Amino acid sequence: MVRLLLLLPFIGLMIVPFYNIGEPHLFGFPFFYWYQLAWVPLTSLLTYIVYRSARRAD
């Protein structure tokens, strides 16, 4: 069940019209860029969580 967390980055980045906007800016980057960049560490964290939970289940 925890493995379903790996679908979040896919779903979050699949719907491009949702984040294809320029505002708001963060450190000078438009929303389009920093939304995608925010998924990089978040995806790593989710992968770690799934890995740890799968390792405990074995």
PDB file of N, CA and C in Angstrom:
ATOM      1  N   MET A   1       0.815  -1.199   0.000  1.00  0.00           N
ATOM      2  CA  MET A   1       0.000   0.000   0.000  1.00  0.00           C
ATOM      3  C   MET A   1       0.867   1.275   0.000  1.00  0.00           C
ATOM      4  N   VAL A   2       1.996   1.209   0.690  1.00  0.00           N
ATOM      5  CA  VAL A   2       2.895   2.362   0.758  1.00  0.00           C
ATOM      6  C   VAL A   2       3.498   2.642  -0.614  1.00  0.00           C
ATOM      7  N   ARG A   3       3.611   1.614  -1.415  1.00  0.00           N
ATOM      8  CA  ARG A   3       4.213   1.788  -2.745  1.00  0.00           C
ATOM      9  C   ARG A   3       3.394   2.719  -3.638  1.00  0.00           C
ATOM     10  N   LEU A   4       2.152   2.947  -3.296  1.00  0.00           N
ATOM     11  CA  LEU A   4       1.325   3.884  -4.064  1.00  0.00           C
ATOM     12  C   LEU A   4       1.844   5.318  -3.946  1.00  0.00           C
ATOM     13  N   LEU A   5       2.668   5.578  -2.939  1.00  0.00           N
ATOM     14  CA  LEU A   5       3.276   6.911  -2.805  1.00  0.00           C
ATOM     15  C   LEU A   5       4.136   7.262  -4.012  1.00  0.00           C
ATOM     16  N   LEU A   6       4.655   6.242  -4.686  1.00  0.00           N
ATOM     17  CA  LEU A   6       5.498   6.490  -5.857  1.00  0.00           C
ATOM     18  C   LEU A   6       4.699   7.042  -7.034  1.00  0.00           C
ATOM     19  N   LEU A   7       3.387   6.971  -6.967  1.00  0.00           N
ATOM     20  CA  LEU A   7       2.547   7.546  -8.023  1.00  0.00           C
ATOM     21  C   LEU A   7       2.396   9.065  -7.877  1.00  0.00           C
ATOM     22  N   LEU A   8       2.620   9.589  -6.688  1.00  0.00           N
ATOM     23  CA  LEU A   8       2.436  11.031  -6.461  1.00  0.00           C
ATOM     24  C   LEU A   8       3.279  11.912  -7.387  1.00  0.00           C
ATOM     25  N   PRO A   9       4.586  11.654  -7.549  1.00  0.00           N
ATOM     26  CA  PRO A   9       5.348  12.501  -8.474  1.00  0.00           C
ATOM     27  C   PRO A   9       4.851  12.386  -9.908  1.00  0.00           C
ATOM     28  N   PHE A  10       4.477  11.193 -10.302  1.00  0.00           N
ATOM     29  CA  PHE A  10       3.968  10.996 -11.654  1.00  0.00           C
ATOM     30  C   PHE A  10       2.696  11.806 -11.873  1.00  0.00           C
ATOM     31  N   ILE A  11       1.777  11.710 -10.935  1.00  0.00           N
ATOM     32  CA  ILE A  11       0.513  12.444 -11.057  1.00  0.00           C
ATOM     33  C   ILE A  11       0.742  13.947 -10.931  1.00  0.00           C
ATOM     34  N   GLY A  12       1.621  14.336 -10.002  1.00  0.00           N
ATOM     35  CA  GLY A  12       1.891  15.751  -9.783  1.00  0.00           C
ATOM     36  C   GLY A  12       2.531  16.457 -10.963  1.00  0.00           C
ATOM     37  N   LEU A  13       3.279  15.728 -11.767  1.00  0.00           N
ATOM     38  CA  LEU A  13       3.952  16.330 -12.916  1.00  0.00           C
ATOM     39  C   LEU A  13       3.277  16.009 -14.245  1.00  0.00           C
ATOM     40  N   MET A  14       2.312  15.112 -14.229  1.00  0.00           N
ATOM     41  CA  MET A  14       1.661  14.698 -15.459  1.00  0.00           C
ATOM     42  C   MET A  14       0.698  15.762 -15.996  1.00  0.00           C
ATOM     43  N   ILE A  15       0.069  16.500 -15.129  1.00  0.00           N
ATOM     44  CA  ILE A  15      -0.949  17.474 -15.530  1.00  0.00           C
ATOM     45  C   ILE A  15      -0.281  18.839 -15.703  1.00  0.00           C
ATOM     46  N   VAL A  16       0.332  19.038 -16.838  1.00  0.00           N
ATOM     47  CA  VAL A  16       1.123  20.252 -17.093  1.00  0.00           C
ATOM     48  C   VAL A  16       0.292  21.538 -17.020  1.00  0.00           C
ATOM     49  N   PRO A  17      -0.950  21.590 -17.518  1.00  0.00           N
ATOM     50  CA  PRO A  17      -1.691  22.853 -17.410  1.00  0.00           C
ATOM     51  C   PRO A  17      -1.897  23.323 -15.970  1.00  0.00           C
ATOM     52  N   PHE A  18      -1.807  22.428 -15.007  1.00  0.00           N
ATOM     53  CA  PHE A  18      -1.939  22.819 -13.604  1.00  0.00           C
ATOM     54  C   PHE A  18      -0.804  23.733 -13.159  1.00  0.00           C
ATOM     55  N   TYR A  19       0.403  23.466 -13.621  1.00  0.00           N
ATOM     56  CA  TYR A  19       1.544  24.272 -13.158  1.00  0.00           C
ATOM     57  C   TYR A  19       2.200  25.072 -14.282  1.00  0.00           C
ATOM     58  N   ASN A  20       1.568  25.189 -15.409  1.00  0.00           N
ATOM     59  CA  ASN A  20       2.111  25.972 -16.516  1.00  0.00           C
ATOM     60  C   ASN A  20       1.699  27.441 -16.379  1.00  0.00           C
ATOM     61  N   ILE A  21       2.139  28.047 -15.298  1.00  0.00           N
ATOM     62  CA  ILE A  21       1.855  29.460 -15.019  1.00  0.00           C
ATOM     63  C   ILE A  21       3.157  30.129 -14.582  1.00  0.00           C
ATOM     64  N   GLY A  22       3.205  31.418 -14.674  1.00  0.00           N
ATOM     65  CA  GLY A  22       4.411  32.156 -14.319  1.00  0.00           C
ATOM     66  C   GLY A  22       4.433  32.650 -12.893  1.00  0.00           C
ATOM     67  N   GLU A  23       3.289  32.882 -12.340  1.00  0.00           N
ATOM     68  CA  GLU A  23       3.197  33.420 -10.981  1.00  0.00           C
ATOM     69  C   GLU A  23       2.811  32.315 -10.025  1.00  0.00           C
ATOM     70  N   PRO A  24       3.221  32.292  -8.826  1.00  0.00           N
ATOM     71  CA  PRO A  24       4.115  33.202  -8.123  1.00  0.00           C
ATOM     72  C   PRO A  24       5.587  32.876  -8.397  1.00  0.00           C
ATOM     73  N   HIS A  25       6.422  33.845  -8.144  1.00  0.00           N
ATOM     74  CA  HIS A  25       7.867  33.656  -8.300  1.00  0.00           C
ATOM     75  C   HIS A  25       8.470  33.260  -6.956  1.00  0.00           C
ATOM     76  N   LEU A  26       9.499  32.439  -7.009  1.00  0.00           N
ATOM     77  CA  LEU A  26      10.244  32.066  -5.815  1.00  0.00           C
ATOM     78  C   LEU A  26      11.723  32.205  -6.148  1.00  0.00           C
ATOM     79  N   PHE A  27      12.398  33.137  -5.490  1.00  0.00           N
ATOM     80  CA  PHE A  27      13.811  33.438  -5.757  1.00  0.00           C
ATOM     81  C   PHE A  27      14.048  33.776  -7.223  1.00  0.00           C
ATOM     82  N   GLY A  28      13.088  34.423  -7.850  1.00  0.00           N
ATOM     83  CA  GLY A  28      13.224  34.831  -9.233  1.00  0.00           C
ATOM     84  C   GLY A  28      12.805  33.783 -10.255  1.00  0.00           C
ATOM     85  N   PHE A  29      12.488  32.575  -9.804  1.00  0.00           N
ATOM     86  CA  PHE A  29      12.058  31.513 -10.710  1.00  0.00           C
ATOM     87  C   PHE A  29      10.540  31.496 -10.803  1.00  0.00           C
ATOM     88  N   PRO A  30       9.995  31.398 -12.021  1.00  0.00           N
ATOM     89  CA  PRO A  30       8.553  31.280 -12.155  1.00  0.00           C
ATOM     90  C   PRO A  30       8.058  29.946 -11.585  1.00  0.00           C
ATOM     91  N   PHE A  31       6.787  29.899 -11.277  1.00  0.00           N
ATOM     92  CA  PHE A  31       6.168  28.722 -10.675  1.00  0.00           C
ATOM     93  C   PHE A  31       6.435  27.465 -11.493  1.00  0.00           C
ATOM     94  N   PHE A  32       6.404  27.580 -12.822  1.00  0.00           N
ATOM     95  CA  PHE A  32       6.614  26.421 -13.698  1.00  0.00           C
ATOM     96  C   PHE A  32       7.910  25.696 -13.374  1.00  0.00           C
ATOM     97  N   TYR A  33       8.977  26.442 -13.102  1.00  0.00           N
ATOM     98  CA  TYR A  33      10.278  25.828 -12.841  1.00  0.00           C
ATOM     99  C   TYR A  33      10.419  25.336 -11.410  1.00  0.00           C
ATOM    100  N   TRP A  34      10.050  26.170 -10.436  1.00  0.00           N
ATOM    101  CA  TRP A  34      10.289  25.746  -9.065  1.00  0.00           C
ATOM    102  C   TRP A  34       9.334  24.661  -8.624  1.00  0.00           C
ATOM    103  N   TYR A  35       8.164  24.529  -9.242  1.00  0.00           N
ATOM    104  CA  TYR A  35       7.260  23.423  -8.926  1.00  0.00           C
ATOM    105  C   TYR A  35       7.901  22.102  -9.344  1.00  0.00           C
ATOM    106  N   GLN A  36       8.479  22.077 -10.536  1.00  0.00           N
ATOM    107  CA  GLN A  36       9.142  20.858 -10.999  1.00  0.00           C
ATOM    108  C   GLN A  36      10.392  20.553 -10.171  1.00  0.00           C
ATOM    109  N   LEU A  37      11.155  21.569  -9.842  1.00  0.00           N
ATOM    110  CA  LEU A  37      12.363  21.360  -9.040  1.00  0.00           C
ATOM    111  C   LEU A  37      12.026  20.913  -7.623  1.00  0.00           C
ATOM    112  N   ALA A  38      10.898  21.319  -7.094  1.00  0.00           N
ATOM    113  CA  ALA A  38      10.494  20.902  -5.753  1.00  0.00           C
ATOM    114  C   ALA A  38      10.190  19.407  -5.705  1.00  0.00           C
ATOM    115  N   TRP A  39       9.816  18.840  -6.833  1.00  0.00           N
ATOM    116  CA  TRP A  39       9.514  17.409  -6.873  1.00  0.00           C
ATOM    117  C   TRP A  39      10.773  16.551  -6.793  1.00  0.00           C
ATOM    118  N   VAL A  40      11.928  17.086  -7.089  1.00  0.00           N
ATOM    119  CA  VAL A  40      13.163  16.288  -7.060  1.00  0.00           C
ATOM    120  C   VAL A  40      13.468  15.797  -5.642  1.00  0.00           C
ATOM    121  N   PRO A  41      13.591  16.664  -4.646  1.00  0.00           N
ATOM    122  CA  PRO A  41      13.834  16.139  -3.296  1.00  0.00           C
ATOM    123  C   PRO A  41      12.619  15.412  -2.722  1.00  0.00           C
ATOM    124  N   LEU A  42      11.433  15.861  -3.094  1.00  0.00           N
ATOM    125  CA  LEU A  42      10.226  15.190  -2.605  1.00  0.00           C
ATOM    126  C   LEU A  42      10.150  13.753  -3.123  1.00  0.00           C
ATOM    127  N   THR A  43      10.492  13.549  -4.383  1.00  0.00           N
ATOM    128  CA  THR A  43      10.505  12.201  -4.949  1.00  0.00           C
ATOM    129  C   THR A  43      11.563  11.344  -4.276  1.00  0.00           C
ATOM    130  N   SER A  44      12.704  11.921  -3.981  1.00  0.00           N
ATOM    131  CA  SER A  44      13.745  11.184  -3.266  1.00  0.00           C
ATOM    132  C   SER A  44      13.261  10.763  -1.882  1.00  0.00           C
ATOM    133  N   LEU A  45      12.592  11.651  -1.206  1.00  0.00           N
ATOM    134  CA  LEU A  45      12.053  11.339   0.113  1.00  0.00           C
ATOM    135  C   LEU A  45      11.003  10.231   0.038  1.00  0.00           C
ATOM    136  N   LEU A  46      10.116  10.320  -0.929  1.00  0.00           N
ATOM    137  CA  LEU A  46       9.092   9.283  -1.091  1.00  0.00           C
ATOM    138  C   LEU A  46       9.715   7.930  -1.432  1.00  0.00           C
ATOM    139  N   THR A  47      10.740   7.942  -2.274  1.00  0.00           N
ATOM    140  CA  THR A  47      11.423   6.697  -2.614  1.00  0.00           C
ATOM    141  C   THR A  47      12.079   6.088  -1.384  1.00  0.00           C
ATOM    142  N   TYR A  48      12.677   6.921  -0.558  1.00  0.00           N
ATOM    143  CA  TYR A  48      13.295   6.440   0.672  1.00  0.00           C
ATOM    144  C   TYR A  48      12.259   5.825   1.607  1.00  0.00           C
ATOM    145  N   ILE A  49      11.120   6.488   1.749  1.00  0.00           N
ATOM    146  CA  ILE A  49      10.056   5.975   2.619  1.00  0.00           C
ATOM    147  C   ILE A  49       9.560   4.621   2.133  1.00  0.00           C
ATOM    148  N   VAL A  50       9.346   4.501   0.848  1.00  0.00           N
ATOM    149  CA  VAL A  50       8.874   3.235   0.281  1.00  0.00           C
ATOM    150  C   VAL A  50       9.942   2.161   0.434  1.00  0.00           C
ATOM    151  N   TYR A  51      11.193   2.505   0.223  1.00  0.00           N
ATOM    152  CA  TYR A  51      12.286   1.544   0.362  1.00  0.00           C
ATOM    153  C   TYR A  51      12.360   1.030   1.789  1.00  0.00           C
ATOM    154  N   ARG A  52      12.316   1.939   2.747  1.00  0.00           N
ATOM    155  CA  ARG A  52      12.396   1.530   4.162  1.00  0.00           C
ATOM    156  C   ARG A  52      11.222   0.669   4.570  1.00  0.00           C
ATOM    157  N   SER A  53      10.027   1.006   4.118  1.00  0.00           N
ATOM    158  CA  SER A  53       8.860   0.220   4.508  1.00  0.00           C
ATOM    159  C   SER A  53       8.862  -1.151   3.835  1.00  0.00           C
ATOM    160  N   ALA A  54       9.351  -1.249   2.608  1.00  0.00           N
ATOM    161  CA  ALA A  54       9.425  -2.531   1.914  1.00  0.00           C
ATOM    162  C   ALA A  54      10.508  -3.409   2.532  1.00  0.00           C
ATOM    163  N   ARG A  55      11.562  -2.798   2.991  1.00  0.00           N
ATOM    164  CA  ARG A  55      12.657  -3.547   3.610  1.00  0.00           C
ATOM    165  C   ARG A  55      12.220  -4.135   4.953  1.00  0.00           C
ATOM    166  N   ARG A  56      11.403  -3.400   5.682  1.00  0.00           N
ATOM    167  CA  ARG A  56      10.894  -3.900   6.970  1.00  0.00           C
ATOM    168  C   ARG A  56       9.905  -5.037   6.777  1.00  0.00           C
ATOM    169  N   ALA A  57       9.156  -4.981   5.676  1.00  0.00           N
ATOM    170  CA  ALA A  57       8.140  -6.003   5.414  1.00  0.00           C
ATOM    171  C   ALA A  57       8.770  -7.341   5.062  1.00  0.00           C
ATOM    172  N   ASP A  58       9.985  -7.324   4.555  1.00  0.00           N
ATOM    173  CA  ASP A  58      10.641  -8.590   4.172  1.00  0.00           C
ATOM    174  C   ASP A  58      11.163  -9.363   5.338  1.00  0.00           C
TER     175      ASP A  58
END
